[in-house]
Amino acid sequence: MATAVADQVGAVAHSLREPAPSAPLLVYFSSVSGNTARFIEKLGMRAVRIPLRPTDPTPLIDEPFVLITPTYGGGQGRGEERGAVPKQVIRFLNDEANRSRLRGVIAAGNTNFGEHYGLAGEIISRKCRVPHLDRFELFGTPEDVERIGEGLERWWKQH
């Protein structure tokens, strides 16, 4: 019995490591508000969450992925970029193994931030040299979910 359970766990763990060509792995951060988590649920794709609490271990990703992150602060503060990328996302990307598997980024934001809408995606794109694939408002409109879901699948197949 224990062997059967161990075999099942091993099979599940193995299947999670295999890249699915038509469906990218999404790695995302969502704050206490849960906006980004709700968007991820609507997409219905494979996903791994970056923990909210800094004391929780940072996940190590062993396959290519697309990062989805909120933008904080609207570019306010000292320097337009200061604080726009959540600290948990910075910590996650500071791991070279994770950063090397990053293939693209999508940013959540608030259009009230004006030119700083989705700024976290622009910053990560520039610093990690990956494409800023898209951005969406707060937890995403139905149009955002459709556009980003279909766009991700098309883009993933081409890359």
N, C-alpha and C. Protein backbone atom coordinates (compact mmCIF):
# COMPACT_ATOMS: atom_id res chain seq x y z
N MET A 1 0.82 -1.20 0.00
CA MET A 1 0.00 0.00 0.00
C MET A 1 0.87 1.26 0.00
N ALA A 2 1.87 1.30 0.88
CA ALA A 2 2.74 2.46 0.95
C ALA A 2 3.49 2.65 -0.37
N THR A 3 3.87 1.55 -1.00
CA THR A 3 4.57 1.63 -2.28
C THR A 3 3.66 2.22 -3.36
N ALA A 4 2.39 1.81 -3.37
CA ALA A 4 1.45 2.33 -4.36
C ALA A 4 1.28 3.83 -4.19
N VAL A 5 1.17 4.29 -2.94
CA VAL A 5 1.03 5.72 -2.68
C VAL A 5 2.30 6.46 -3.11
N ALA A 6 3.46 5.89 -2.77
CA ALA A 6 4.73 6.50 -3.16
C ALA A 6 4.84 6.57 -4.69
N ASP A 7 4.40 5.52 -5.38
CA ASP A 7 4.43 5.52 -6.85
C ASP A 7 3.54 6.62 -7.41
N GLN A 8 2.34 6.78 -6.81
CA GLN A 8 1.42 7.82 -7.27
C GLN A 8 2.00 9.21 -7.04
N VAL A 9 2.58 9.41 -5.85
CA VAL A 9 3.19 10.70 -5.56
C VAL A 9 4.34 10.97 -6.52
N GLY A 10 5.16 9.97 -6.78
CA GLY A 10 6.26 10.12 -7.72
C GLY A 10 5.76 10.44 -9.12
N ALA A 11 4.69 9.78 -9.54
CA ALA A 11 4.14 10.04 -10.88
C ALA A 11 3.60 11.46 -10.98
N VAL A 12 2.92 11.93 -9.93
CA VAL A 12 2.40 13.30 -9.92
C VAL A 12 3.55 14.29 -9.95
N ALA A 13 4.55 14.08 -9.11
CA ALA A 13 5.70 14.98 -9.09
C ALA A 13 6.39 15.01 -10.45
N HIS A 14 6.54 13.85 -11.08
CA HIS A 14 7.18 13.78 -12.40
C HIS A 14 6.35 14.54 -13.43
N SER A 15 5.02 14.36 -13.39
CA SER A 15 4.18 15.01 -14.39
C SER A 15 4.21 16.53 -14.23
N LEU A 16 4.42 17.03 -13.01
CA LEU A 16 4.50 18.47 -12.81
C LEU A 16 5.79 19.05 -13.37
N ARG A 17 6.82 18.23 -13.51
CA ARG A 17 8.10 18.72 -14.03
C ARG A 17 8.13 18.72 -15.56
N GLU A 18 7.26 17.95 -16.18
CA GLU A 18 7.28 17.87 -17.64
C GLU A 18 6.61 19.10 -18.23
N PRO A 19 7.31 19.81 -19.11
CA PRO A 19 6.68 20.97 -19.73
C PRO A 19 5.52 20.56 -20.62
N ALA A 20 4.46 21.31 -20.56
CA ALA A 20 3.31 21.07 -21.43
C ALA A 20 3.37 22.11 -22.54
N PRO A 21 3.71 21.70 -23.77
CA PRO A 21 3.95 22.67 -24.84
C PRO A 21 2.78 23.62 -25.10
N SER A 22 1.54 23.16 -24.94
CA SER A 22 0.43 24.04 -25.25
C SER A 22 -0.07 24.81 -24.03
N ALA A 23 0.48 24.54 -22.87
CA ALA A 23 0.03 25.22 -21.66
C ALA A 23 1.23 25.57 -20.79
N PRO A 24 1.57 26.83 -20.74
CA PRO A 24 2.73 27.22 -19.94
C PRO A 24 2.47 27.07 -18.44
N LEU A 25 3.54 26.93 -17.70
CA LEU A 25 3.46 27.01 -16.25
C LEU A 25 3.45 28.49 -15.89
N LEU A 26 2.52 28.87 -15.04
CA LEU A 26 2.46 30.24 -14.54
C LEU A 26 2.98 30.26 -13.12
N VAL A 27 3.87 31.17 -12.83
CA VAL A 27 4.32 31.42 -11.47
C VAL A 27 3.81 32.81 -11.14
N TYR A 28 3.14 32.95 -10.00
CA TYR A 28 2.51 34.23 -9.70
C TYR A 28 2.66 34.61 -8.23
N PHE A 29 2.56 35.91 -8.00
CA PHE A 29 2.47 36.43 -6.65
C PHE A 29 1.15 37.14 -6.53
N SER A 30 0.49 36.94 -5.40
CA SER A 30 -0.76 37.64 -5.13
C SER A 30 -0.71 38.13 -3.70
N SER A 31 -1.05 39.38 -3.50
CA SER A 31 -1.04 39.97 -2.17
C SER A 31 -2.27 39.51 -1.38
N VAL A 32 -2.46 40.07 -0.22
CA VAL A 32 -3.59 39.73 0.65
C VAL A 32 -4.92 39.99 -0.06
N SER A 33 -4.96 40.99 -0.94
CA SER A 33 -6.21 41.31 -1.65
C SER A 33 -6.68 40.13 -2.50
N GLY A 34 -5.74 39.31 -2.98
CA GLY A 34 -6.10 38.13 -3.78
C GLY A 34 -6.45 38.42 -5.22
N ASN A 35 -6.26 39.64 -5.69
CA ASN A 35 -6.64 39.97 -7.06
C ASN A 35 -5.94 39.09 -8.10
N THR A 36 -4.62 38.96 -7.97
CA THR A 36 -3.88 38.17 -8.96
C THR A 36 -4.26 36.70 -8.86
N ALA A 37 -4.47 36.20 -7.65
CA ALA A 37 -4.89 34.80 -7.47
C ALA A 37 -6.23 34.55 -8.16
N ARG A 38 -7.17 35.49 -8.05
CA ARG A 38 -8.46 35.33 -8.73
C ARG A 38 -8.28 35.29 -10.25
N PHE A 39 -7.39 36.12 -10.76
CA PHE A 39 -7.12 36.11 -12.20
C PHE A 39 -6.55 34.76 -12.62
N ILE A 40 -5.62 34.23 -11.87
CA ILE A 40 -5.00 32.93 -12.18
C ILE A 40 -6.07 31.84 -12.19
N GLU A 41 -6.96 31.86 -11.21
CA GLU A 41 -8.04 30.87 -11.16
C GLU A 41 -8.90 30.94 -12.42
N LYS A 42 -9.19 32.14 -12.88
CA LYS A 42 -10.01 32.30 -14.09
C LYS A 42 -9.31 31.74 -15.33
N LEU A 43 -7.97 31.87 -15.37
CA LEU A 43 -7.22 31.33 -16.52
C LEU A 43 -7.28 29.82 -16.56
N GLY A 44 -7.29 29.18 -15.40
CA GLY A 44 -7.39 27.72 -15.34
C GLY A 44 -6.15 26.99 -15.84
N MET A 45 -4.99 27.60 -15.75
CA MET A 45 -3.74 26.98 -16.20
C MET A 45 -2.93 26.49 -15.00
N ARG A 46 -1.94 25.65 -15.29
CA ARG A 46 -1.05 25.19 -14.23
C ARG A 46 -0.37 26.40 -13.60
N ALA A 47 -0.29 26.42 -12.27
CA ALA A 47 0.26 27.59 -11.62
C ALA A 47 0.91 27.24 -10.28
N VAL A 48 1.95 28.01 -9.94
CA VAL A 48 2.64 27.91 -8.66
C VAL A 48 2.64 29.31 -8.06
N ARG A 49 2.26 29.39 -6.79
CA ARG A 49 2.19 30.69 -6.13
C ARG A 49 3.48 30.99 -5.35
N ILE A 50 3.99 32.18 -5.50
CA ILE A 50 5.09 32.68 -4.67
C ILE A 50 4.46 33.05 -3.33
N PRO A 51 4.98 32.52 -2.22
CA PRO A 51 4.35 32.76 -0.92
C PRO A 51 4.30 34.24 -0.54
N LEU A 52 3.25 34.58 0.20
CA LEU A 52 3.07 35.94 0.69
C LEU A 52 4.04 36.26 1.82
N ARG A 53 4.19 35.33 2.75
CA ARG A 53 5.06 35.56 3.91
C ARG A 53 6.52 35.35 3.54
N PRO A 54 7.38 36.31 3.84
CA PRO A 54 8.79 36.16 3.50
C PRO A 54 9.49 35.03 4.25
N THR A 55 8.88 34.55 5.32
CA THR A 55 9.49 33.43 6.07
C THR A 55 9.21 32.09 5.41
N ASP A 56 8.24 32.04 4.50
CA ASP A 56 7.95 30.79 3.79
C ASP A 56 9.02 30.56 2.72
N PRO A 57 9.35 29.30 2.45
CA PRO A 57 10.40 29.04 1.46
C PRO A 57 10.00 29.50 0.06
N THR A 58 10.97 30.01 -0.66
CA THR A 58 10.76 30.42 -2.05
C THR A 58 10.72 29.17 -2.92
N PRO A 59 9.71 29.03 -3.77
CA PRO A 59 9.68 27.84 -4.63
C PRO A 59 10.83 27.84 -5.62
N LEU A 60 11.33 26.65 -5.91
CA LEU A 60 12.34 26.47 -6.95
C LEU A 60 11.65 25.83 -8.14
N ILE A 61 11.66 26.50 -9.27
CA ILE A 61 10.94 26.05 -10.45
C ILE A 61 11.93 25.34 -11.38
N ASP A 62 11.53 24.16 -11.84
CA ASP A 62 12.46 23.36 -12.66
C ASP A 62 12.03 23.23 -14.12
N GLU A 63 11.23 24.17 -14.58
CA GLU A 63 10.83 24.20 -15.99
C GLU A 63 10.57 25.65 -16.40
N PRO A 64 10.56 25.93 -17.68
CA PRO A 64 10.28 27.30 -18.13
C PRO A 64 8.89 27.75 -17.68
N PHE A 65 8.77 29.05 -17.40
CA PHE A 65 7.51 29.58 -16.89
C PHE A 65 7.32 31.02 -17.29
N VAL A 66 6.07 31.49 -17.13
CA VAL A 66 5.71 32.90 -17.29
C VAL A 66 5.34 33.41 -15.91
N LEU A 67 5.87 34.57 -15.56
CA LEU A 67 5.60 35.19 -14.26
C LEU A 67 4.44 36.16 -14.38
N ILE A 68 3.53 36.12 -13.41
CA ILE A 68 2.45 37.09 -13.33
C ILE A 68 2.54 37.76 -11.97
N THR A 69 2.65 39.08 -11.99
CA THR A 69 2.86 39.83 -10.76
C THR A 69 2.03 41.11 -10.73
N PRO A 70 1.59 41.51 -9.54
CA PRO A 70 0.96 42.83 -9.43
C PRO A 70 2.02 43.93 -9.45
N THR A 71 1.58 45.13 -9.70
CA THR A 71 2.43 46.32 -9.60
C THR A 71 2.03 47.05 -8.33
N TYR A 72 3.02 47.42 -7.54
CA TYR A 72 2.76 48.15 -6.30
C TYR A 72 3.10 49.62 -6.46
N GLY A 73 2.36 50.45 -5.79
CA GLY A 73 2.73 51.84 -5.58
C GLY A 73 2.55 52.81 -6.71
N GLY A 74 2.25 52.36 -7.88
CA GLY A 74 2.02 53.27 -8.99
C GLY A 74 3.20 54.16 -9.32
N GLY A 75 4.41 53.68 -9.02
CA GLY A 75 5.59 54.46 -9.34
C GLY A 75 5.80 55.63 -8.40
N GLN A 76 5.10 55.62 -7.27
CA GLN A 76 5.24 56.71 -6.32
C GLN A 76 6.46 56.47 -5.43
N GLY A 77 7.00 57.51 -4.91
CA GLY A 77 8.14 57.39 -4.02
C GLY A 77 9.40 57.88 -4.70
N ARG A 78 10.52 57.53 -4.14
CA ARG A 78 11.81 57.99 -4.66
C ARG A 78 12.18 57.16 -5.87
N GLY A 79 12.14 57.76 -7.02
CA GLY A 79 12.40 57.04 -8.26
C GLY A 79 11.13 56.33 -8.69
N GLU A 80 10.77 56.46 -9.94
CA GLU A 80 9.49 55.92 -10.41
C GLU A 80 9.38 54.41 -10.23
N GLU A 81 10.51 53.71 -10.19
CA GLU A 81 10.46 52.25 -10.11
C GLU A 81 10.47 51.73 -8.68
N ARG A 82 10.80 52.55 -7.74
CA ARG A 82 10.96 52.11 -6.36
C ARG A 82 9.67 51.50 -5.83
N GLY A 83 9.74 50.26 -5.42
CA GLY A 83 8.61 49.59 -4.79
C GLY A 83 7.57 49.03 -5.75
N ALA A 84 7.75 49.18 -7.06
CA ALA A 84 6.74 48.70 -8.01
C ALA A 84 6.68 47.17 -8.07
N VAL A 85 7.84 46.51 -7.92
CA VAL A 85 7.89 45.05 -7.94
C VAL A 85 7.82 44.55 -6.50
N PRO A 86 6.86 43.67 -6.19
CA PRO A 86 6.78 43.16 -4.81
C PRO A 86 8.08 42.50 -4.36
N LYS A 87 8.43 42.70 -3.10
CA LYS A 87 9.68 42.15 -2.55
C LYS A 87 9.74 40.63 -2.69
N GLN A 88 8.61 39.97 -2.56
CA GLN A 88 8.59 38.50 -2.69
C GLN A 88 8.99 38.07 -4.10
N VAL A 89 8.59 38.85 -5.08
CA VAL A 89 8.93 38.55 -6.48
C VAL A 89 10.43 38.79 -6.70
N ILE A 90 10.94 39.86 -6.14
CA ILE A 90 12.38 40.13 -6.24
C ILE A 90 13.17 38.99 -5.62
N ARG A 91 12.75 38.56 -4.44
CA ARG A 91 13.43 37.44 -3.76
C ARG A 91 13.40 36.18 -4.62
N PHE A 92 12.25 35.88 -5.22
CA PHE A 92 12.09 34.72 -6.09
C PHE A 92 13.04 34.81 -7.30
N LEU A 93 13.10 35.97 -7.92
CA LEU A 93 13.93 36.15 -9.11
C LEU A 93 15.42 36.29 -8.78
N ASN A 94 15.74 36.58 -7.54
CA ASN A 94 17.15 36.63 -7.14
C ASN A 94 17.79 35.24 -7.14
N ASP A 95 16.97 34.20 -7.18
CA ASP A 95 17.50 32.84 -7.32
C ASP A 95 17.81 32.62 -8.81
N GLU A 96 19.07 32.40 -9.11
CA GLU A 96 19.52 32.27 -10.51
C GLU A 96 18.79 31.16 -11.26
N ALA A 97 18.52 30.03 -10.57
CA ALA A 97 17.83 28.92 -11.23
C ALA A 97 16.43 29.34 -11.66
N ASN A 98 15.71 30.05 -10.80
CA ASN A 98 14.37 30.53 -11.16
C ASN A 98 14.46 31.54 -12.29
N ARG A 99 15.36 32.50 -12.15
CA ARG A 99 15.48 33.55 -13.16
C ARG A 99 15.83 32.98 -14.53
N SER A 100 16.64 31.92 -14.57
CA SER A 100 17.06 31.34 -15.85
C SER A 100 15.91 30.66 -16.58
N ARG A 101 14.85 30.34 -15.89
CA ARG A 101 13.70 29.65 -16.51
C ARG A 101 12.56 30.60 -16.86
N LEU A 102 12.70 31.85 -16.48
CA LEU A 102 11.70 32.87 -16.79
C LEU A 102 11.68 33.12 -18.29
N ARG A 103 10.49 33.03 -18.91
CA ARG A 103 10.37 33.24 -20.35
C ARG A 103 9.59 34.49 -20.72
N GLY A 104 8.81 35.01 -19.79
CA GLY A 104 8.02 36.21 -20.06
C GLY A 104 7.33 36.66 -18.78
N VAL A 105 6.79 37.87 -18.81
CA VAL A 105 6.13 38.42 -17.63
C VAL A 105 4.84 39.12 -18.04
N ILE A 106 3.85 39.01 -17.17
CA ILE A 106 2.57 39.70 -17.31
C ILE A 106 2.34 40.45 -16.00
N ALA A 107 1.90 41.69 -16.10
CA ALA A 107 1.72 42.51 -14.90
C ALA A 107 0.26 42.87 -14.68
N ALA A 108 -0.13 42.78 -13.44
CA ALA A 108 -1.43 43.32 -13.02
C ALA A 108 -1.18 44.75 -12.57
N GLY A 109 -2.19 45.57 -12.69
CA GLY A 109 -2.02 46.95 -12.28
C GLY A 109 -3.35 47.65 -12.15
N ASN A 110 -3.26 48.94 -11.99
CA ASN A 110 -4.43 49.77 -11.82
C ASN A 110 -4.27 50.94 -12.80
N THR A 111 -5.23 51.09 -13.69
CA THR A 111 -5.11 52.15 -14.70
C THR A 111 -5.09 53.54 -14.07
N ASN A 112 -5.51 53.66 -12.81
CA ASN A 112 -5.40 54.94 -12.11
C ASN A 112 -3.95 55.38 -11.95
N PHE A 113 -3.00 54.43 -12.11
CA PHE A 113 -1.58 54.76 -12.00
C PHE A 113 -1.06 55.43 -13.27
N GLY A 114 -1.92 55.58 -14.27
CA GLY A 114 -1.53 56.27 -15.50
C GLY A 114 -0.38 55.59 -16.20
N GLU A 115 0.69 56.33 -16.48
CA GLU A 115 1.83 55.78 -17.23
C GLU A 115 2.55 54.69 -16.46
N HIS A 116 2.26 54.54 -15.18
CA HIS A 116 2.91 53.51 -14.37
C HIS A 116 2.07 52.23 -14.28
N TYR A 117 0.97 52.18 -15.04
CA TYR A 117 0.11 51.00 -15.08
C TYR A 117 0.92 49.79 -15.56
N GLY A 118 0.99 48.75 -14.74
CA GLY A 118 1.73 47.54 -15.10
C GLY A 118 3.25 47.73 -15.08
N LEU A 119 3.74 48.71 -14.34
CA LEU A 119 5.16 49.04 -14.32
C LEU A 119 6.03 47.86 -13.88
N ALA A 120 5.55 47.02 -12.98
CA ALA A 120 6.35 45.88 -12.52
C ALA A 120 6.75 44.99 -13.70
N GLY A 121 5.85 44.80 -14.65
CA GLY A 121 6.16 43.98 -15.82
C GLY A 121 7.25 44.59 -16.67
N GLU A 122 7.21 45.92 -16.84
CA GLU A 122 8.25 46.60 -17.62
C GLU A 122 9.61 46.48 -16.95
N ILE A 123 9.64 46.63 -15.64
CA ILE A 123 10.91 46.55 -14.89
C ILE A 123 11.50 45.15 -14.99
N ILE A 124 10.67 44.14 -14.73
CA ILE A 124 11.16 42.76 -14.78
C ILE A 124 11.60 42.40 -16.20
N SER A 125 10.83 42.81 -17.18
CA SER A 125 11.18 42.56 -18.58
C SER A 125 12.56 43.12 -18.91
N ARG A 126 12.78 44.33 -18.52
CA ARG A 126 14.06 44.99 -18.83
C ARG A 126 15.22 44.33 -18.06
N LYS A 127 15.03 44.10 -16.78
CA LYS A 127 16.12 43.58 -15.95
C LYS A 127 16.44 42.11 -16.25
N CYS A 128 15.43 41.33 -16.61
CA CYS A 128 15.64 39.89 -16.86
C CYS A 128 15.73 39.58 -18.35
N ARG A 129 15.55 40.58 -19.18
CA ARG A 129 15.64 40.42 -20.64
C ARG A 129 14.67 39.36 -21.17
N VAL A 130 13.41 39.52 -20.77
CA VAL A 130 12.33 38.66 -21.27
C VAL A 130 11.21 39.58 -21.74
N PRO A 131 10.32 39.08 -22.59
CA PRO A 131 9.24 39.95 -23.06
C PRO A 131 8.19 40.25 -21.99
N HIS A 132 7.72 41.51 -22.01
CA HIS A 132 6.56 41.91 -21.19
C HIS A 132 5.35 41.60 -22.06
N LEU A 133 4.71 40.47 -21.79
CA LEU A 133 3.70 39.91 -22.69
C LEU A 133 2.38 40.66 -22.67
N ASP A 134 1.97 41.15 -21.49
CA ASP A 134 0.66 41.79 -21.40
C ASP A 134 0.52 42.39 -20.02
N ARG A 135 -0.61 43.04 -19.80
CA ARG A 135 -0.97 43.56 -18.48
C ARG A 135 -2.48 43.55 -18.38
N PHE A 136 -2.97 43.56 -17.15
CA PHE A 136 -4.42 43.54 -16.93
C PHE A 136 -4.77 44.36 -15.71
N GLU A 137 -6.00 44.80 -15.68
CA GLU A 137 -6.51 45.64 -14.60
C GLU A 137 -6.94 44.80 -13.41
N LEU A 138 -6.35 45.08 -12.24
CA LEU A 138 -6.69 44.47 -10.96
C LEU A 138 -6.82 42.95 -11.04
N PHE A 139 -8.05 42.40 -11.00
CA PHE A 139 -8.20 40.94 -11.07
C PHE A 139 -8.66 40.48 -12.45
N GLY A 140 -8.63 41.38 -13.41
CA GLY A 140 -8.89 41.00 -14.80
C GLY A 140 -10.35 40.99 -15.18
N THR A 141 -10.66 41.62 -16.30
CA THR A 141 -12.00 41.58 -16.86
C THR A 141 -12.16 40.26 -17.63
N PRO A 142 -13.37 39.88 -17.98
CA PRO A 142 -13.53 38.69 -18.82
C PRO A 142 -12.74 38.80 -20.14
N GLU A 143 -12.65 40.02 -20.69
CA GLU A 143 -11.87 40.23 -21.91
C GLU A 143 -10.38 40.00 -21.66
N ASP A 144 -9.88 40.45 -20.50
CA ASP A 144 -8.48 40.22 -20.14
C ASP A 144 -8.19 38.73 -20.05
N VAL A 145 -9.08 38.00 -19.38
CA VAL A 145 -8.89 36.56 -19.21
C VAL A 145 -8.84 35.86 -20.56
N GLU A 146 -9.76 36.20 -21.45
CA GLU A 146 -9.79 35.58 -22.78
C GLU A 146 -8.55 35.95 -23.59
N ARG A 147 -8.22 37.24 -23.64
CA ARG A 147 -7.08 37.71 -24.42
C ARG A 147 -5.77 37.10 -23.92
N ILE A 148 -5.57 37.13 -22.62
CA ILE A 148 -4.31 36.65 -22.06
C ILE A 148 -4.23 35.13 -22.13
N GLY A 149 -5.33 34.45 -21.83
CA GLY A 149 -5.33 32.98 -21.91
C GLY A 149 -5.00 32.48 -23.31
N GLU A 150 -5.70 33.02 -24.30
CA GLU A 150 -5.46 32.62 -25.69
C GLU A 150 -4.07 33.07 -26.16
N GLY A 151 -3.69 34.27 -25.78
CA GLY A 151 -2.38 34.79 -26.18
C GLY A 151 -1.24 33.98 -25.60
N LEU A 152 -1.37 33.58 -24.34
CA LEU A 152 -0.34 32.75 -23.71
C LEU A 152 -0.17 31.42 -24.42
N GLU A 153 -1.28 30.78 -24.72
CA GLU A 153 -1.20 29.48 -25.40
C GLU A 153 -0.55 29.61 -26.77
N ARG A 154 -0.92 30.64 -27.54
CA ARG A 154 -0.32 30.85 -28.86
C ARG A 154 1.17 31.16 -28.72
N TRP A 155 1.51 32.08 -27.84
CA TRP A 155 2.90 32.49 -27.67
C TRP A 155 3.76 31.32 -27.19
N TRP A 156 3.24 30.54 -26.26
CA TRP A 156 3.99 29.41 -25.70
C TRP A 156 4.33 28.38 -26.77
N LYS A 157 3.39 28.12 -27.67
CA LYS A 157 3.63 27.15 -28.75
C LYS A 157 4.72 27.63 -29.69
N GLN A 158 4.87 28.92 -29.84
CA GLN A 158 5.86 29.49 -30.75
C GLN A 158 7.24 29.61 -30.11
N HIS A 159 7.32 29.49 -28.81
CA HIS A 159 8.59 29.67 -28.11
C HIS A 159 8.89 28.43 -27.36
